[in-house]
N, C-alpha and C. Protein backbone atom coordinates (compact mmCIF):
# COMPACT_ATOMS: atom_id res chain seq x y z
N MET A 1 84.26 126.41 88.55
CA MET A 1 84.24 125.73 87.55
C MET A 1 83.82 124.55 88.06
N SER A 2 82.79 123.83 86.86
CA SER A 2 82.14 122.48 87.45
C SER A 2 83.30 121.18 87.49
N ILE A 3 82.56 119.79 87.56
CA ILE A 3 83.77 119.00 87.93
C ILE A 3 83.74 118.64 85.99
N GLU A 4 82.89 118.86 85.20
CA GLU A 4 82.70 118.12 83.94
C GLU A 4 83.67 119.51 83.29
N GLU A 5 83.82 120.14 83.55
CA GLU A 5 85.06 121.02 83.01
C GLU A 5 85.90 120.67 83.27
N ILE A 6 86.20 120.78 84.48
CA ILE A 6 87.81 120.15 85.10
C ILE A 6 88.21 118.66 84.24
N LEU A 7 87.06 117.92 83.94
CA LEU A 7 87.42 116.98 83.21
C LEU A 7 88.08 117.01 82.01
N GLU A 8 87.26 117.84 81.00
CA GLU A 8 87.53 117.94 79.96
C GLU A 8 88.97 118.91 80.00
N LEU A 9 88.95 119.65 80.80
CA LEU A 9 90.35 120.60 80.96
C LEU A 9 91.33 119.37 80.98
N GLN A 10 91.24 118.21 82.00
CA GLN A 10 92.52 117.05 81.92
C GLN A 10 92.45 116.18 81.13
N LYS A 11 91.26 115.84 80.06
CA LYS A 11 91.24 115.41 79.01
C LYS A 11 92.32 115.75 77.70
N GLU A 12 92.10 117.26 78.20
CA GLU A 12 93.10 118.08 76.56
C GLU A 12 94.57 117.89 76.95
N LEU A 13 94.55 117.98 78.63
CA LEU A 13 95.98 118.14 78.70
C LEU A 13 96.79 116.46 78.81
N ASP A 14 95.86 115.69 78.90
CA ASP A 14 96.55 114.46 79.19
C ASP A 14 96.55 113.89 77.58
N LEU A 15 96.05 114.43 76.40
CA LEU A 15 96.01 114.19 75.56
C LEU A 15 97.39 114.41 74.80
N LYS A 16 97.76 115.93 75.33
CA LYS A 16 99.07 116.81 74.94
C LYS A 16 99.70 115.99 75.35
N ILE A 17 99.79 115.45 76.80
CA ILE A 17 101.32 114.62 76.98
C ILE A 17 101.75 113.57 76.78
N THR A 18 100.39 113.06 76.13
CA THR A 18 100.63 111.92 75.44
C THR A 18 101.20 111.91 74.21
N MET A 19 100.69 112.99 73.49
CA MET A 19 101.24 113.12 72.17
C MET A 19 102.20 113.28 72.12
N ASN A 20 102.79 114.59 73.11
CA ASN A 20 104.59 114.95 73.36
C ASN A 20 105.79 113.70 74.05
N SER A 21 104.83 112.66 74.13
CA SER A 21 105.45 111.84 75.78
C SER A 21 105.55 110.47 74.46
N PHE A 22 104.84 110.24 73.68
CA PHE A 22 105.08 108.80 72.85
C PHE A 22 105.30 110.00 71.14
N GLY A 23 105.53 110.81 71.18
CA GLY A 23 105.72 111.32 69.57
C GLY A 23 104.35 110.75 68.65
N VAL A 24 102.95 110.68 68.73
CA VAL A 24 102.01 110.46 68.12
C VAL A 24 101.36 111.26 68.09
N SER A 25 100.37 111.37 66.57
CA SER A 25 99.23 111.64 66.58
C SER A 25 98.24 112.27 67.55
N ALA A 26 97.28 113.22 67.25
CA ALA A 26 96.36 113.52 68.53
C ALA A 26 95.37 112.03 68.49
N GLY A 27 94.90 111.60 67.12
CA GLY A 27 94.50 110.38 66.77
C GLY A 27 94.69 109.00 67.24
N ASP A 28 96.42 108.68 67.51
CA ASP A 28 96.81 107.83 68.01
C ASP A 28 97.06 107.56 69.34
N ALA A 29 97.27 109.41 70.13
CA ALA A 29 96.91 109.55 71.42
C ALA A 29 95.76 108.85 72.09
N LYS A 30 94.97 109.29 71.68
CA LYS A 30 93.87 108.75 71.63
C LYS A 30 93.51 107.18 72.59
N HIS A 31 94.36 105.85 71.65
CA HIS A 31 94.24 104.67 71.80
C HIS A 31 95.17 104.44 73.09
N TYR A 32 95.94 105.48 73.67
CA TYR A 32 97.01 105.16 74.72
C TYR A 32 96.53 105.21 75.93
N GLN A 33 95.25 105.58 76.19
CA GLN A 33 94.70 106.86 77.71
C GLN A 33 94.13 105.28 78.69
N GLU A 34 93.13 104.56 78.28
CA GLU A 34 93.42 103.26 79.49
C GLU A 34 94.01 102.56 79.70
N ALA A 35 95.22 102.89 78.56
CA ALA A 35 96.29 102.12 79.02
C ALA A 35 97.83 102.85 79.78
N LEU A 36 97.07 103.69 79.92
CA LEU A 36 97.70 104.39 80.82
C LEU A 36 97.13 104.65 82.68
N LEU A 37 96.14 103.66 82.51
CA LEU A 37 95.72 104.01 83.62
C LEU A 37 96.55 103.77 84.98
N ALA A 38 97.29 102.65 85.01
CA ALA A 38 98.44 101.82 85.90
C ALA A 38 99.63 103.28 85.93
N LYS A 39 100.14 103.74 85.36
CA LYS A 39 101.02 104.72 85.47
C LYS A 39 100.41 105.63 86.45
N ARG A 40 98.98 106.23 86.04
CA ARG A 40 98.82 107.94 86.17
C ARG A 40 97.76 107.35 87.85
N LEU A 41 97.61 106.13 88.43
CA LEU A 41 97.73 105.38 89.92
C LEU A 41 98.93 105.48 90.57
N LEU A 42 99.83 105.44 89.97
CA LEU A 42 101.22 105.30 90.99
C LEU A 42 101.22 106.74 90.76
N ALA A 43 101.23 107.45 89.40
CA ALA A 43 102.00 109.07 89.40
C ALA A 43 100.53 109.60 90.83
N LEU A 44 99.25 109.35 90.88
CA LEU A 44 98.52 109.56 92.10
C LEU A 44 99.29 109.77 93.21
N HIS A 45 99.68 108.04 93.75
CA HIS A 45 100.27 107.83 94.72
C HIS A 45 101.74 109.04 95.45
N VAL A 46 102.36 109.27 94.11
CA VAL A 46 103.34 109.87 94.44
C VAL A 46 103.24 110.93 94.85
N GLU A 47 102.20 112.07 93.79
CA GLU A 47 102.00 113.16 94.20
C GLU A 47 100.86 113.21 95.80
N VAL A 48 100.56 111.96 96.06
CA VAL A 48 100.01 111.99 97.62
C VAL A 48 100.55 112.25 98.64
N SER A 49 102.04 111.50 97.80
CA SER A 49 102.62 111.36 98.85
C SER A 49 103.69 112.54 99.32
N GLU A 50 103.55 113.43 97.60
CA GLU A 50 104.80 114.79 98.17
C GLU A 50 103.56 115.67 98.66
N LEU A 51 102.49 115.64 98.58
CA LEU A 51 101.62 116.43 99.46
C LEU A 51 101.83 116.34 100.93
N ALA A 52 101.91 115.13 101.14
CA ALA A 52 102.42 115.04 102.53
C ALA A 52 103.34 115.49 103.27
N ASN A 53 104.55 114.89 102.79
CA ASN A 53 105.62 115.89 102.34
C ASN A 53 106.19 117.15 102.45
N ALA A 54 105.49 117.49 102.22
CA ALA A 54 104.79 119.31 101.91
C ALA A 54 104.80 120.04 103.82
N THR A 55 103.50 118.77 103.70
CA THR A 55 102.80 119.72 104.99
C THR A 55 103.60 118.82 106.09
N LYS A 56 104.55 118.05 106.01
CA LYS A 56 104.88 117.64 106.61
C LYS A 56 103.89 116.70 108.11
N CYS A 57 102.79 116.48 107.47
CA CYS A 57 101.63 116.10 108.52
C CYS A 57 101.75 114.61 109.14
N PHE A 58 103.07 113.78 108.64
CA PHE A 58 103.32 112.20 109.17
C PHE A 58 104.79 112.34 110.01
N LYS A 59 105.42 113.22 110.06
CA LYS A 59 107.14 113.79 110.73
C LYS A 59 106.58 114.02 111.64
N TYR A 60 106.33 113.36 112.72
CA TYR A 60 105.77 113.74 113.95
C TYR A 60 107.03 113.68 115.07
N TRP A 61 108.21 113.45 114.14
CA TRP A 61 109.52 113.70 115.19
C TRP A 61 110.27 115.05 114.44
N SER A 62 109.61 115.59 113.61
CA SER A 62 110.32 116.80 113.48
C SER A 62 110.19 117.84 113.90
N THR A 63 110.79 119.42 113.78
CA THR A 63 109.76 120.39 114.42
C THR A 63 110.10 121.43 113.57
N LYS A 64 110.31 120.74 112.33
CA LYS A 64 110.41 121.79 110.96
C LYS A 64 109.20 122.39 110.95
N PRO A 65 108.71 123.56 110.49
CA PRO A 65 107.02 123.66 110.00
C PRO A 65 107.14 122.95 108.70
N SER A 66 105.55 123.13 107.77
CA SER A 66 105.67 122.79 106.67
C SER A 66 105.81 123.34 105.84
N GLU A 67 105.65 123.16 104.53
CA GLU A 67 106.20 124.06 103.55
C GLU A 67 105.11 125.50 103.60
N PRO A 68 105.69 126.42 102.39
CA PRO A 68 104.57 127.64 102.33
C PRO A 68 103.40 127.10 102.15
N GLN A 69 102.41 127.92 102.28
CA GLN A 69 100.74 127.62 101.46
C GLN A 69 100.95 127.25 99.78
N GLU A 70 101.85 128.13 99.48
CA GLU A 70 101.83 128.26 97.73
C GLU A 70 102.17 126.62 97.79
N ILE A 71 103.60 126.35 97.98
CA ILE A 71 103.92 124.90 97.78
C ILE A 71 102.94 123.63 97.84
N ILE A 72 102.52 123.84 99.10
CA ILE A 72 101.24 122.52 99.96
C ILE A 72 99.64 123.23 98.30
N LEU A 73 99.66 124.39 98.60
CA LEU A 73 98.54 124.40 96.93
C LEU A 73 98.86 123.81 95.82
N ASP A 74 100.19 124.44 95.42
CA ASP A 74 101.28 123.43 94.38
C ASP A 74 101.16 121.76 94.07
N GLU A 75 100.93 121.26 95.46
CA GLU A 75 100.97 119.79 95.43
C GLU A 75 100.00 119.54 95.61
N PHE A 76 99.20 120.20 96.36
CA PHE A 76 97.58 119.74 95.96
C PHE A 76 96.87 119.77 94.43
N ALA A 77 97.52 120.71 93.95
CA ALA A 77 96.47 120.58 92.45
C ALA A 77 97.53 119.67 91.64
N ASP A 78 98.79 119.28 92.04
CA ASP A 78 99.25 118.02 91.40
C ASP A 78 97.64 116.99 91.30
N VAL A 79 97.98 116.60 92.95
CA VAL A 79 97.11 115.05 93.00
C VAL A 79 95.43 115.54 92.45
N LEU A 80 95.30 116.87 92.26
CA LEU A 80 93.89 116.64 91.78
C LEU A 80 94.25 116.57 90.10
N HIS A 81 94.48 117.23 89.42
CA HIS A 81 95.21 116.66 88.10
C HIS A 81 95.52 115.33 88.21
N PHE A 82 96.06 114.03 89.03
CA PHE A 82 96.10 112.63 88.77
C PHE A 82 94.55 111.94 89.00
N VAL A 83 93.67 113.09 89.76
CA VAL A 83 92.19 112.02 90.41
C VAL A 83 91.57 112.66 89.17
N PHE A 84 91.68 113.44 88.65
CA PHE A 84 90.91 113.54 87.61
C PHE A 84 91.20 112.83 85.95
N SER A 85 92.64 112.27 86.02
CA SER A 85 93.36 112.25 85.14
C SER A 85 92.76 110.73 84.87
N VAL A 86 92.90 109.94 86.14
CA VAL A 86 92.45 108.41 86.48
C VAL A 86 90.61 108.92 86.10
N ALA A 87 90.15 109.56 86.70
CA ALA A 87 88.38 109.63 86.76
C ALA A 87 88.62 109.44 85.13
N ASN A 88 89.14 109.83 83.85
CA ASN A 88 89.16 110.34 82.97
C ASN A 88 89.47 108.45 82.21
N SER A 89 90.68 108.27 82.39
CA SER A 89 91.15 106.83 82.32
C SER A 89 90.22 105.65 82.26
N LEU A 90 89.05 106.12 83.55
CA LEU A 90 88.32 105.12 84.14
C LEU A 90 86.68 105.53 82.80
N ASN A 91 86.32 106.80 82.22
CA ASN A 91 85.77 107.14 81.55
C ASN A 91 84.64 107.11 82.60
N LEU A 92 84.84 107.59 83.73
CA LEU A 92 84.21 108.30 84.56
C LEU A 92 82.83 109.92 84.33
N THR A 93 81.58 110.07 84.12
CA THR A 93 81.22 110.92 84.10
C THR A 93 81.42 112.16 85.16
N ALA A 94 80.57 113.45 85.27
CA ALA A 94 81.09 114.59 86.17
C ALA A 94 79.70 114.15 87.20
N LYS A 95 78.70 113.42 86.47
CA LYS A 95 77.53 112.86 87.17
C LYS A 95 77.79 111.68 88.08
N GLU A 96 78.33 110.99 87.74
CA GLU A 96 78.68 109.77 87.94
C GLU A 96 79.65 109.99 89.62
N ILE A 97 81.32 110.52 89.58
CA ILE A 97 81.33 111.10 90.58
C ILE A 97 80.91 112.16 91.26
N GLU A 98 79.91 112.70 90.81
CA GLU A 98 79.29 113.75 91.70
C GLU A 98 77.90 112.65 92.86
N ASP A 99 77.59 111.74 92.13
CA ASP A 99 76.86 111.23 92.60
C ASP A 99 77.64 109.80 93.55
N ALA A 100 78.89 109.41 93.06
CA ALA A 100 79.36 108.04 94.32
C ALA A 100 79.84 109.80 95.44
N TYR A 101 80.01 110.54 94.97
CA TYR A 101 80.73 111.57 96.03
C TYR A 101 79.73 111.73 97.56
N LEU A 102 78.41 111.83 96.31
CA LEU A 102 77.36 112.30 97.35
C LEU A 102 77.07 110.66 98.26
N LYS A 103 76.20 109.89 97.56
CA LYS A 103 76.31 108.80 98.15
C LYS A 103 77.14 108.29 99.31
N LYS A 104 78.28 108.58 99.22
CA LYS A 104 79.89 108.22 100.36
C LYS A 104 79.80 109.17 101.12
N HIS A 105 79.27 110.02 100.75
CA HIS A 105 79.37 111.32 101.89
C HIS A 105 78.28 111.00 102.91
N GLU A 106 76.81 110.33 102.63
CA GLU A 106 76.17 110.12 102.89
C GLU A 106 76.00 108.84 103.88
N GLU A 107 76.54 108.00 103.60
CA GLU A 107 77.23 107.39 104.59
C GLU A 107 77.95 107.14 105.49
N ASN A 108 79.14 108.04 105.09
CA ASN A 108 79.66 108.60 105.89
C ASN A 108 79.77 109.13 107.66
N TYR A 109 78.28 109.86 107.35
CA TYR A 109 77.64 110.50 107.87
C TYR A 109 77.40 109.85 109.07
N LYS A 110 76.29 108.74 108.09
CA LYS A 110 75.59 107.46 108.98
C LYS A 110 76.73 106.94 110.16
N ARG A 111 78.00 106.59 109.53
CA ARG A 111 78.90 105.60 110.10
C ARG A 111 79.25 106.56 111.35
N GLN A 112 79.27 107.61 111.32
CA GLN A 112 79.82 108.39 112.13
C GLN A 112 78.78 108.52 113.25
N GLN A 113 76.86 108.57 112.98
CA GLN A 113 76.01 108.07 113.98
C GLN A 113 76.11 107.13 114.79
N GLU A 114 76.86 105.84 114.05
CA GLU A 114 75.85 104.53 114.22
C GLU A 114 77.62 104.27 115.02
N GLY A 115 78.44 105.41 114.88
CA GLY A 115 79.68 104.75 115.78
C GLY A 115 80.79 103.70 114.98
N TYR A 116 80.54 103.98 113.96
CA TYR A 116 81.73 103.48 113.29
C TYR A 116 83.17 102.96 113.41
């Protein structure tokens, strides 16, 4: 599945969620999308925290194992949903996302070579 397809699926889901949450029509729900950016960023933060909690990656004091892989994948999918929801709120295109990723990827390799 391409980034473009994922963005479209997320856009459809966000529209449905907005319609259900605010009791508005599809046409009116489109006006809410950019206004929800702050809420989506906070939700993304919470989902990243839930992923960290499921992996227990920060709980150096704990001897308990991480959650089962199925739960970790579910939390990871939640993170992705909000990443793409935020991308849609910012009107980012698949091409822009791909280009930005590749540029940063190259920069990160360069930083490793330079002892960043």
